[in-house]
Structures are given as structure tokens and as C-alpha cells.
All heavy atoms as atom14 arrays in JSON, in Angstrom:
{
  "sequence": "PPDYSGFYGDETSVVRIHSGNGQHEDMDRRAISCFEQALTDVGL",
  "atom14_mask": [
    [1, 1, 1, 1, 1, 1, 1, 0, 0, 0, 0, 0, 0, 0],
    [1, 1, 1, 1, 1, 1, 1, 0, 0, 0, 0, 0, 0, 0],
    [1, 1, 1, 1, 1, 1, 1, 1, 0, 0, 0, 0, 0, 0],
    [1, 1, 1, 1, 1, 1, 1, 1, 1, 1, 1, 1, 0, 0],
    [1, 1, 1, 1, 1, 1, 0, 0, 0, 0, 0, 0, 0, 0],
    [1, 1, 1, 1, 0, 0, 0, 0, 0, 0, 0, 0, 0, 0],
    [1, 1, 1, 1, 1, 1, 1, 1, 1, 1, 1, 0, 0, 0],
    [1, 1, 1, 1, 1, 1, 1, 1, 1, 1, 1, 1, 0, 0],
    [1, 1, 1, 1, 0, 0, 0, 0, 0, 0, 0, 0, 0, 0],
    [1, 1, 1, 1, 1, 1, 1, 1, 0, 0, 0, 0, 0, 0],
    [1, 1, 1, 1, 1, 1, 1, 1, 1, 0, 0, 0, 0, 0],
    [1, 1, 1, 1, 1, 1, 1, 0, 0, 0, 0, 0, 0, 0],
    [1, 1, 1, 1, 1, 1, 0, 0, 0, 0, 0, 0, 0, 0],
    [1, 1, 1, 1, 1, 1, 1, 0, 0, 0, 0, 0, 0, 0],
    [1, 1, 1, 1, 1, 1, 1, 0, 0, 0, 0, 0, 0, 0],
    [1, 1, 1, 1, 1, 1, 1, 1, 1, 1, 1, 0, 0, 0],
    [1, 1, 1, 1, 1, 1, 1, 1, 0, 0, 0, 0, 0, 0],
    [1, 1, 1, 1, 1, 1, 1, 1, 1, 1, 0, 0, 0, 0],
    [1, 1, 1, 1, 1, 1, 0, 0, 0, 0, 0, 0, 0, 0],
    [1, 1, 1, 1, 0, 0, 0, 0, 0, 0, 0, 0, 0, 0],
    [1, 1, 1, 1, 1, 1, 1, 1, 0, 0, 0, 0, 0, 0],
    [1, 1, 1, 1, 0, 0, 0, 0, 0, 0, 0, 0, 0, 0],
    [1, 1, 1, 1, 1, 1, 1, 1, 1, 0, 0, 0, 0, 0],
    [1, 1, 1, 1, 1, 1, 1, 1, 1, 1, 0, 0, 0, 0],
    [1, 1, 1, 1, 1, 1, 1, 1, 1, 0, 0, 0, 0, 0],
    [1, 1, 1, 1, 1, 1, 1, 1, 0, 0, 0, 0, 0, 0],
    [1, 1, 1, 1, 1, 1, 1, 1, 0, 0, 0, 0, 0, 0],
    [1, 1, 1, 1, 1, 1, 1, 1, 0, 0, 0, 0, 0, 0],
    [1, 1, 1, 1, 1, 1, 1, 1, 1, 1, 1, 0, 0, 0],
    [1, 1, 1, 1, 1, 1, 1, 1, 1, 1, 1, 0, 0, 0],
    [1, 1, 1, 1, 1, 0, 0, 0, 0, 0, 0, 0, 0, 0],
    [1, 1, 1, 1, 1, 1, 1, 1, 0, 0, 0, 0, 0, 0],
    [1, 1, 1, 1, 1, 1, 0, 0, 0, 0, 0, 0, 0, 0],
    [1, 1, 1, 1, 1, 1, 0, 0, 0, 0, 0, 0, 0, 0],
    [1, 1, 1, 1, 1, 1, 1, 1, 1, 1, 1, 0, 0, 0],
    [1, 1, 1, 1, 1, 1, 1, 1, 1, 0, 0, 0, 0, 0],
    [1, 1, 1, 1, 1, 1, 1, 1, 1, 0, 0, 0, 0, 0],
    [1, 1, 1, 1, 1, 0, 0, 0, 0, 0, 0, 0, 0, 0],
    [1, 1, 1, 1, 1, 1, 1, 1, 0, 0, 0, 0, 0, 0],
    [1, 1, 1, 1, 1, 1, 1, 0, 0, 0, 0, 0, 0, 0],
    [1, 1, 1, 1, 1, 1, 1, 1, 0, 0, 0, 0, 0, 0],
    [1, 1, 1, 1, 1, 1, 1, 0, 0, 0, 0, 0, 0, 0],
    [1, 1, 1, 1, 0, 0, 0, 0, 0, 0, 0, 0, 0, 0],
    [1, 1, 1, 1, 1, 1, 1, 1, 0, 0, 0, 0, 0, 0]
  ],
  "atom14_positions": [
    [[16.65, 1.13, -4.97], [16.78, 2.44, -5.55], [15.66, 3.45, -5.26], [14.58, 3.11, -5.15], [17.05, 2.19, -7.07], [16.29, 0.84, -7.28], [16.35, 0.19, -6.02], [0.0, 0.0, 0.0], [0.0, 0.0, 0.0], [0.0, 0.0, 0.0], [0.0, 0.0, 0.0], [0.0, 0.0, 0.0], [0.0, 0.0, 0.0], [0.0, 0.0, 0.0]],
    [[16.08, 4.72, -5.22], [15.03, 5.81, -4.92], [14.12, 6.17, -6.11], [13.94, 7.34, -6.42], [15.97, 6.97, -4.46], [17.14, 6.78, -5.14], [17.34, 5.33, -5.24], [0.0, 0.0, 0.0], [0.0, 0.0, 0.0], [0.0, 0.0, 0.0], [0.0, 0.0, 0.0], [0.0, 0.0, 0.0], [0.0, 0.0, 0.0], [0.0, 0.0, 0.0]],
    [[13.72, 5.15, -6.86], [12.98, 5.43, -8.05], [11.68, 6.09, -7.92], [11.2, 6.97, -8.6], [12.8, 4.07, -8.93], [14.06, 3.6, -9.49], [15.01, 4.38, -9.55], [14.09, 2.36, -9.95], [0.0, 0.0, 0.0], [0.0, 0.0, 0.0], [0.0, 0.0, 0.0], [0.0, 0.0, 0.0], [0.0, 0.0, 0.0], [0.0, 0.0, 0.0]],
    [[10.86, 5.68, -6.76], [9.62, 6.27, -6.51], [9.79, 7.79, -6.25], [9.18, 8.59, -6.92], [8.85, 5.63, -5.42], [7.41, 6.17, -5.35], [6.47, 5.49, -6.14], [7.17, 7.29, -4.57], [5.18, 6.04, -6.14], [5.89, 7.84, -4.74], [4.91, 7.22, -5.4], [3.64, 7.72, -5.44], [0.0, 0.0, 0.0], [0.0, 0.0, 0.0]],
    [[10.61, 8.12, -5.31], [10.79, 9.55, -4.94], [11.43, 10.29, -6.06], [11.27, 11.43, -6.23], [11.52, 9.65, -3.71], [12.78, 9.09, -3.72], [0.0, 0.0, 0.0], [0.0, 0.0, 0.0], [0.0, 0.0, 0.0], [0.0, 0.0, 0.0], [0.0, 0.0, 0.0], [0.0, 0.0, 0.0], [0.0, 0.0, 0.0], [0.0, 0.0, 0.0]],
    [[12.24, 9.59, -6.89], [12.88, 10.32, -8.06], [12.05, 10.57, -9.26], [12.24, 11.54, -9.95], [0.0, 0.0, 0.0], [0.0, 0.0, 0.0], [0.0, 0.0, 0.0], [0.0, 0.0, 0.0], [0.0, 0.0, 0.0], [0.0, 0.0, 0.0], [0.0, 0.0, 0.0], [0.0, 0.0, 0.0], [0.0, 0.0, 0.0], [0.0, 0.0, 0.0]],
    [[10.97, 9.7, -9.48], [10.24, 9.83, -10.65], [8.73, 10.17, -10.38], [8.09, 10.85, -11.2], [10.19, 8.58, -11.47], [11.63, 8.27, -11.94], [12.32, 7.29, -11.49], [12.2, 9.0, -12.98], [13.57, 6.86, -11.88], [13.4, 8.75, -13.41], [14.14, 7.72, -12.97], [0.0, 0.0, 0.0], [0.0, 0.0, 0.0], [0.0, 0.0, 0.0]],
    [[8.11, 9.74, -9.21], [6.76, 9.78, -9.07], [6.25, 10.75, -7.96], [5.22, 11.37, -8.14], [6.2, 8.37, -8.78], [6.52, 7.41, -9.83], [7.24, 6.23, -9.56], [6.04, 7.62, -11.13], [7.47, 5.26, -10.5], [6.33, 6.69, -12.13], [7.07, 5.47, -11.82], [7.37, 4.65, -12.83], [0.0, 0.0, 0.0], [0.0, 0.0, 0.0]],
    [[6.94, 10.84, -6.9], [6.52, 11.77, -5.82], [7.22, 11.36, -4.43], [8.05, 10.47, -4.38], [0.0, 0.0, 0.0], [0.0, 0.0, 0.0], [0.0, 0.0, 0.0], [0.0, 0.0, 0.0], [0.0, 0.0, 0.0], [0.0, 0.0, 0.0], [0.0, 0.0, 0.0], [0.0, 0.0, 0.0], [0.0, 0.0, 0.0], [0.0, 0.0, 0.0]],
    [[6.74, 12.02, -3.48], [7.21, 11.78, -2.08], [6.18, 11.06, -1.26], [5.09, 10.6, -1.67], [7.77, 13.03, -1.47], [6.57, 14.03, -1.18], [5.41, 13.75, -1.53], [6.9, 15.13, -0.73], [0.0, 0.0, 0.0], [0.0, 0.0, 0.0], [0.0, 0.0, 0.0], [0.0, 0.0, 0.0], [0.0, 0.0, 0.0], [0.0, 0.0, 0.0]],
    [[6.58, 10.74, -0.05], [5.66, 10.17, 0.91], [4.4, 10.85, 1.13], [3.25, 10.42, 1.31], [6.31, 9.85, 2.22], [5.44, 9.13, 3.27], [5.2, 7.7, 2.95], [5.72, 7.16, 1.92], [4.55, 7.04, 3.82], [0.0, 0.0, 0.0], [0.0, 0.0, 0.0], [0.0, 0.0, 0.0], [0.0, 0.0, 0.0], [0.0, 0.0, 0.0]],
    [[4.49, 12.23, 1.08], [3.37, 13.1, 1.21], [2.32, 12.7, 0.13], [1.14, 12.55, 0.49], [3.62, 14.55, 1.25], [4.5, 14.83, 2.28], [2.4, 15.49, 1.24], [0.0, 0.0, 0.0], [0.0, 0.0, 0.0], [0.0, 0.0, 0.0], [0.0, 0.0, 0.0], [0.0, 0.0, 0.0], [0.0, 0.0, 0.0], [0.0, 0.0, 0.0]],
    [[2.73, 12.63, -1.05], [1.75, 12.31, -2.1], [1.03, 10.92, -1.91], [-0.1, 10.78, -2.28], [2.45, 12.37, -3.54], [3.42, 11.51, -3.78], [0.0, 0.0, 0.0], [0.0, 0.0, 0.0], [0.0, 0.0, 0.0], [0.0, 0.0, 0.0], [0.0, 0.0, 0.0], [0.0, 0.0, 0.0], [0.0, 0.0, 0.0], [0.0, 0.0, 0.0]],
    [[1.82, 10.04, -1.51], [1.31, 8.65, -1.31], [0.27, 8.68, -0.23], [-0.85, 8.14, -0.32], [2.43, 7.64, -1.03], [1.81, 6.24, -0.7], [3.37, 7.54, -2.21], [0.0, 0.0, 0.0], [0.0, 0.0, 0.0], [0.0, 0.0, 0.0], [0.0, 0.0, 0.0], [0.0, 0.0, 0.0], [0.0, 0.0, 0.0], [0.0, 0.0, 0.0]],
    [[0.56, 9.25, 0.89], [-0.24, 9.29, 2.01], [-1.55, 10.02, 1.75], [-2.65, 9.65, 2.11], [0.42, 9.88, 3.26], [-0.47, 10.0, 4.45], [1.69, 8.92, 3.7], [0.0, 0.0, 0.0], [0.0, 0.0, 0.0], [0.0, 0.0, 0.0], [0.0, 0.0, 0.0], [0.0, 0.0, 0.0], [0.0, 0.0, 0.0], [0.0, 0.0, 0.0]],
    [[-1.4, 11.08, 0.99], [-2.56, 11.95, 0.66], [-3.61, 11.07, -0.15], [-4.85, 11.22, 0.02], [-2.24, 13.17, -0.12], [-1.69, 14.25, 0.85], [-1.44, 15.65, 0.18], [-0.97, 16.55, 1.09], [-0.15, 17.46, 0.85], [0.41, 17.59, -0.39], [0.25, 18.34, 1.8], [0.0, 0.0, 0.0], [0.0, 0.0, 0.0], [0.0, 0.0, 0.0]],
    [[-3.09, 10.18, -1.07], [-3.97, 9.38, -1.84], [-4.75, 8.44, -0.98], [-5.91, 8.14, -1.19], [-3.15, 8.55, -2.87], [-2.64, 9.45, -3.91], [-3.99, 7.48, -3.51], [-1.62, 8.76, -4.87], [0.0, 0.0, 0.0], [0.0, 0.0, 0.0], [0.0, 0.0, 0.0], [0.0, 0.0, 0.0], [0.0, 0.0, 0.0], [0.0, 0.0, 0.0]],
    [[-4.11, 7.99, 0.16], [-4.77, 7.09, 1.02], [-5.54, 7.64, 2.27], [-5.98, 6.96, 3.12], [-3.74, 6.05, 1.62], [-3.15, 5.25, 0.56], [-2.05, 5.67, -0.13], [-3.43, 3.95, 0.18], [-1.77, 4.69, -1.07], [-2.6, 3.59, -0.89], [0.0, 0.0, 0.0], [0.0, 0.0, 0.0], [0.0, 0.0, 0.0], [0.0, 0.0, 0.0]],
    [[-5.7, 9.03, 2.26], [-6.21, 9.79, 3.38], [-7.6, 10.27, 3.05], [-8.02, 10.43, 1.95], [-5.32, 10.9, 3.75], [-4.07, 10.43, 4.19], [0.0, 0.0, 0.0], [0.0, 0.0, 0.0], [0.0, 0.0, 0.0], [0.0, 0.0, 0.0], [0.0, 0.0, 0.0], [0.0, 0.0, 0.0], [0.0, 0.0, 0.0], [0.0, 0.0, 0.0]],
    [[-8.27, 10.55, 4.12], [-9.62, 11.21, 4.04], [-10.75, 10.17, 3.84], [-11.81, 10.61, 3.35], [0.0, 0.0, 0.0], [0.0, 0.0, 0.0], [0.0, 0.0, 0.0], [0.0, 0.0, 0.0], [0.0, 0.0, 0.0], [0.0, 0.0, 0.0], [0.0, 0.0, 0.0], [0.0, 0.0, 0.0], [0.0, 0.0, 0.0], [0.0, 0.0, 0.0]],
    [[-10.49, 8.98, 4.08], [-11.56, 7.98, 3.88], [-12.19, 7.32, 5.09], [-12.74, 6.34, 5.04], [-11.02, 6.81, 3.03], [-10.4, 7.33, 1.67], [-11.18, 7.92, 0.94], [-9.21, 7.2, 1.45], [0.0, 0.0, 0.0], [0.0, 0.0, 0.0], [0.0, 0.0, 0.0], [0.0, 0.0, 0.0], [0.0, 0.0, 0.0], [0.0, 0.0, 0.0]],
    [[-11.94, 7.97, 6.25], [-12.53, 7.46, 7.48], [-11.72, 6.27, 7.9], [-10.66, 5.8, 7.31], [0.0, 0.0, 0.0], [0.0, 0.0, 0.0], [0.0, 0.0, 0.0], [0.0, 0.0, 0.0], [0.0, 0.0, 0.0], [0.0, 0.0, 0.0], [0.0, 0.0, 0.0], [0.0, 0.0, 0.0], [0.0, 0.0, 0.0], [0.0, 0.0, 0.0]],
    [[-12.26, 5.56, 8.96], [-11.63, 4.38, 9.51], [-12.09, 3.25, 8.52], [-13.2, 3.2, 8.13], [-12.11, 4.08, 10.9], [-11.51, 5.07, 11.85], [-11.85, 4.76, 13.29], [-12.78, 3.9, 13.5], [-11.3, 5.53, 14.2], [0.0, 0.0, 0.0], [0.0, 0.0, 0.0], [0.0, 0.0, 0.0], [0.0, 0.0, 0.0], [0.0, 0.0, 0.0]],
    [[-11.14, 2.32, 8.29], [-11.45, 1.11, 7.51], [-10.66, -0.07, 7.96], [-9.9, -0.65, 7.13], [-11.3, 1.48, 6.0], [-10.11, 2.26, 5.79], [-8.81, 1.71, 5.69], [-9.94, 3.54, 5.35], [-7.98, 2.75, 5.4], [-8.63, 3.81, 5.21], [0.0, 0.0, 0.0], [0.0, 0.0, 0.0], [0.0, 0.0, 0.0], [0.0, 0.0, 0.0]],
    [[-10.87, -0.42, 9.23], [-10.04, -1.55, 9.73], [-10.2, -2.91, 8.99], [-9.28, -3.62, 8.82], [-10.24, -1.78, 11.22], [-9.56, -0.66, 12.0], [-10.63, 0.2, 12.84], [-11.85, -0.25, 12.82], [-10.22, 1.18, 13.37], [0.0, 0.0, 0.0], [0.0, 0.0, 0.0], [0.0, 0.0, 0.0], [0.0, 0.0, 0.0], [0.0, 0.0, 0.0]],
    [[-11.5, -3.21, 8.63], [-11.73, -4.45, 7.95], [-11.12, -4.47, 6.7], [-10.45, -5.55, 6.23], [-13.27, -4.65, 7.8], [-13.53, -6.02, 7.16], [-12.94, -7.1, 7.59], [-14.32, -6.06, 6.26], [0.0, 0.0, 0.0], [0.0, 0.0, 0.0], [0.0, 0.0, 0.0], [0.0, 0.0, 0.0], [0.0, 0.0, 0.0], [0.0, 0.0, 0.0]],
    [[-11.08, -3.36, 5.91], [-10.47, -3.29, 4.59], [-8.99, -3.42, 4.79], [-8.3, -4.12, 3.97], [-10.77, -1.85, 3.94], [-10.04, -1.85, 2.58], [-10.4, -0.2, 1.78], [-12.16, -0.26, 1.57], [0.0, 0.0, 0.0], [0.0, 0.0, 0.0], [0.0, 0.0, 0.0], [0.0, 0.0, 0.0], [0.0, 0.0, 0.0], [0.0, 0.0, 0.0]],
    [[-8.43, -2.84, 5.8], [-6.93, -2.9, 6.1], [-6.57, -4.36, 6.35], [-5.63, -4.83, 5.87], [-6.56, -2.07, 7.26], [-6.66, -0.5, 6.98], [-6.77, -0.12, 5.74], [-6.61, 0.24, 7.9], [0.0, 0.0, 0.0], [0.0, 0.0, 0.0], [0.0, 0.0, 0.0], [0.0, 0.0, 0.0], [0.0, 0.0, 0.0], [0.0, 0.0, 0.0]],
    [[-7.38, -5.06, 7.23], [-7.03, -6.43, 7.52], [-7.06, -7.33, 6.25], [-6.22, -8.18, 6.05], [-8.14, -6.93, 8.49], [-7.77, -6.76, 9.94], [-8.64, -7.52, 10.96], [-10.02, -7.17, 10.84], [-10.59, -6.08, 11.35], [-9.85, -5.33, 12.09], [-11.87, -5.91, 11.18], [0.0, 0.0, 0.0], [0.0, 0.0, 0.0], [0.0, 0.0, 0.0]],
    [[-8.09, -7.02, 5.45], [-8.2, -7.77, 4.19], [-7.06, -7.46, 3.25], [-6.61, -8.37, 2.56], [-9.61, -7.6, 3.66], [-10.69, -8.17, 4.48], [-12.02, -7.85, 3.98], [-12.39, -8.62, 2.83], [-13.48, -9.28, 2.76], [-14.43, -9.4, 3.71], [-13.77, -10.07, 1.62], [0.0, 0.0, 0.0], [0.0, 0.0, 0.0], [0.0, 0.0, 0.0]],
    [[-6.64, -6.17, 3.16], [-5.51, -5.87, 2.27], [-4.24, -6.55, 2.73], [-3.54, -7.02, 1.85], [-5.38, -4.4, 2.34], [0.0, 0.0, 0.0], [0.0, 0.0, 0.0], [0.0, 0.0, 0.0], [0.0, 0.0, 0.0], [0.0, 0.0, 0.0], [0.0, 0.0, 0.0], [0.0, 0.0, 0.0], [0.0, 0.0, 0.0], [0.0, 0.0, 0.0]],
    [[-4.04, -6.74, 4.03], [-2.88, -7.41, 4.57], [-2.97, -8.84, 4.25], [-1.97, -9.53, 3.79], [-2.74, -7.16, 6.09], [-2.39, -5.75, 6.35], [-1.72, -8.11, 6.62], [-2.57, -5.27, 7.77], [0.0, 0.0, 0.0], [0.0, 0.0, 0.0], [0.0, 0.0, 0.0], [0.0, 0.0, 0.0], [0.0, 0.0, 0.0], [0.0, 0.0, 0.0]],
    [[-4.15, -9.5, 4.26], [-4.37, -10.84, 3.99], [-4.07, -11.03, 2.42], [-3.5, -12.02, 2.1], [-5.81, -11.33, 4.28], [-6.0, -12.57, 3.82], [0.0, 0.0, 0.0], [0.0, 0.0, 0.0], [0.0, 0.0, 0.0], [0.0, 0.0, 0.0], [0.0, 0.0, 0.0], [0.0, 0.0, 0.0], [0.0, 0.0, 0.0], [0.0, 0.0, 0.0]],
    [[-4.49, -10.11, 1.62], [-4.22, -10.21, 0.21], [-2.73, -10.11, -0.04], [-2.19, -10.83, -0.97], [-5.0, -9.01, -0.58], [-6.72, -9.2, -0.72], [0.0, 0.0, 0.0], [0.0, 0.0, 0.0], [0.0, 0.0, 0.0], [0.0, 0.0, 0.0], [0.0, 0.0, 0.0], [0.0, 0.0, 0.0], [0.0, 0.0, 0.0], [0.0, 0.0, 0.0]],
    [[-2.0, -9.36, 0.76], [-0.6, -9.25, 0.56], [0.06, -10.62, 1.05], [0.96, -11.14, 0.23], [0.0, -8.2, 1.51], [1.45, -7.96, 1.27], [1.92, -7.25, 0.2], [2.47, -8.44, 2.22], [3.35, -7.0, 0.0], [3.77, -8.23, 2.04], [4.24, -7.49, 0.94], [0.0, 0.0, 0.0], [0.0, 0.0, 0.0], [0.0, 0.0, 0.0]],
    [[-0.37, -11.23, 2.11], [0.12, -12.51, 2.41], [-0.05, -13.56, 1.33], [0.79, -14.45, 0.96], [-0.53, -13.0, 3.73], [-0.13, -12.16, 4.98], [-0.97, -12.48, 6.22], [-1.95, -13.16, 6.12], [-0.68, -11.91, 7.27], [0.0, 0.0, 0.0], [0.0, 0.0, 0.0], [0.0, 0.0, 0.0], [0.0, 0.0, 0.0], [0.0, 0.0, 0.0]],
    [[-1.27, -13.53, 0.73], [-1.59, -14.46, -0.36], [-0.73, -14.21, -1.48], [-0.26, -15.09, -2.3], [-3.1, -14.41, -0.68], [-4.05, -14.85, 0.45], [-5.51, -14.43, 0.15], [-5.79, -13.76, -0.67], [-6.24, -15.08, 0.98], [0.0, 0.0, 0.0], [0.0, 0.0, 0.0], [0.0, 0.0, 0.0], [0.0, 0.0, 0.0], [0.0, 0.0, 0.0]],
    [[-0.46, -12.9, -1.81], [0.37, -12.54, -2.96], [1.79, -13.04, -2.81], [2.38, -13.47, -3.75], [0.39, -10.97, -3.09], [0.0, 0.0, 0.0], [0.0, 0.0, 0.0], [0.0, 0.0, 0.0], [0.0, 0.0, 0.0], [0.0, 0.0, 0.0], [0.0, 0.0, 0.0], [0.0, 0.0, 0.0], [0.0, 0.0, 0.0], [0.0, 0.0, 0.0]],
    [[2.25, -13.0, -1.61], [3.54, -13.59, -1.34], [3.67, -15.01, -1.7], [4.66, -15.49, -2.31], [3.97, -13.42, 0.19], [4.24, -12.01, 0.74], [4.34, -12.0, 2.19], [5.47, -11.41, 0.03], [0.0, 0.0, 0.0], [0.0, 0.0, 0.0], [0.0, 0.0, 0.0], [0.0, 0.0, 0.0], [0.0, 0.0, 0.0], [0.0, 0.0, 0.0]],
    [[2.64, -15.69, -1.42], [2.5, -17.17, -1.96], [2.56, -17.26, -3.36], [3.12, -18.07, -4.0], [1.35, -17.89, -1.24], [1.55, -17.83, 0.12], [1.3, -19.31, -1.71], [0.0, 0.0, 0.0], [0.0, 0.0, 0.0], [0.0, 0.0, 0.0], [0.0, 0.0, 0.0], [0.0, 0.0, 0.0], [0.0, 0.0, 0.0], [0.0, 0.0, 0.0]],
    [[1.61, -16.32, -4.0], [1.42, -16.38, -5.44], [2.66, -16.15, -6.18], [2.92, -16.74, -7.3], [0.39, -15.23, -5.88], [-0.95, -15.44, -5.36], [-1.4, -16.6, -4.91], [-1.72, -14.44, -5.4], [0.0, 0.0, 0.0], [0.0, 0.0, 0.0], [0.0, 0.0, 0.0], [0.0, 0.0, 0.0], [0.0, 0.0, 0.0], [0.0, 0.0, 0.0]],
    [[3.63, -15.41, -5.61], [4.93, -15.04, -6.35], [5.99, -16.14, -5.96], [7.19, -16.04, -6.36], [5.53, -13.65, -6.07], [4.46, -12.63, -6.61], [5.86, -13.45, -4.72], [0.0, 0.0, 0.0], [0.0, 0.0, 0.0], [0.0, 0.0, 0.0], [0.0, 0.0, 0.0], [0.0, 0.0, 0.0], [0.0, 0.0, 0.0], [0.0, 0.0, 0.0]],
    [[5.63, -17.15, -5.21], [6.58, -18.28, -4.82], [7.39, -18.09, -3.59], [8.28, -18.76, -3.39], [0.0, 0.0, 0.0], [0.0, 0.0, 0.0], [0.0, 0.0, 0.0], [0.0, 0.0, 0.0], [0.0, 0.0, 0.0], [0.0, 0.0, 0.0], [0.0, 0.0, 0.0], [0.0, 0.0, 0.0], [0.0, 0.0, 0.0], [0.0, 0.0, 0.0]],
    [[7.04, -17.05, -2.78], [7.8, -16.92, -1.57], [7.14, -17.77, -0.47], [6.38, -17.37, 0.31], [7.8, -15.4, -1.22], [8.67, -15.11, 0.07], [10.1, -15.55, -0.18], [8.65, -13.62, 0.35], [0.0, 0.0, 0.0], [0.0, 0.0, 0.0], [0.0, 0.0, 0.0], [0.0, 0.0, 0.0], [0.0, 0.0, 0.0], [0.0, 0.0, 0.0]]
  ]
}
């Protein structure tokens, strides 16, 4: 359901929160690794 865009904001607001921080490839790789681990944590 469109709950995020209906209650909180649009893609612009999300991208702005994540912008202006320079390059951070190591952080991105680690965030993806955390996501993979979270998939296991929730039983997937």
C-alpha cells in the first residue's frame, strides 16, 4: 500500500535525507551486508 507517500512524504524527501554526504562506498557495502543478515534474523 502507498502508506509512505500517503502519510510521510515522497521519494524526494527520502533521497534528500540520504544526500550531501559525499561518497561512502564502504558504508553502502556494509549496509547491504546488514540487510542480508537482517533477512536471516527475520527467518527468511
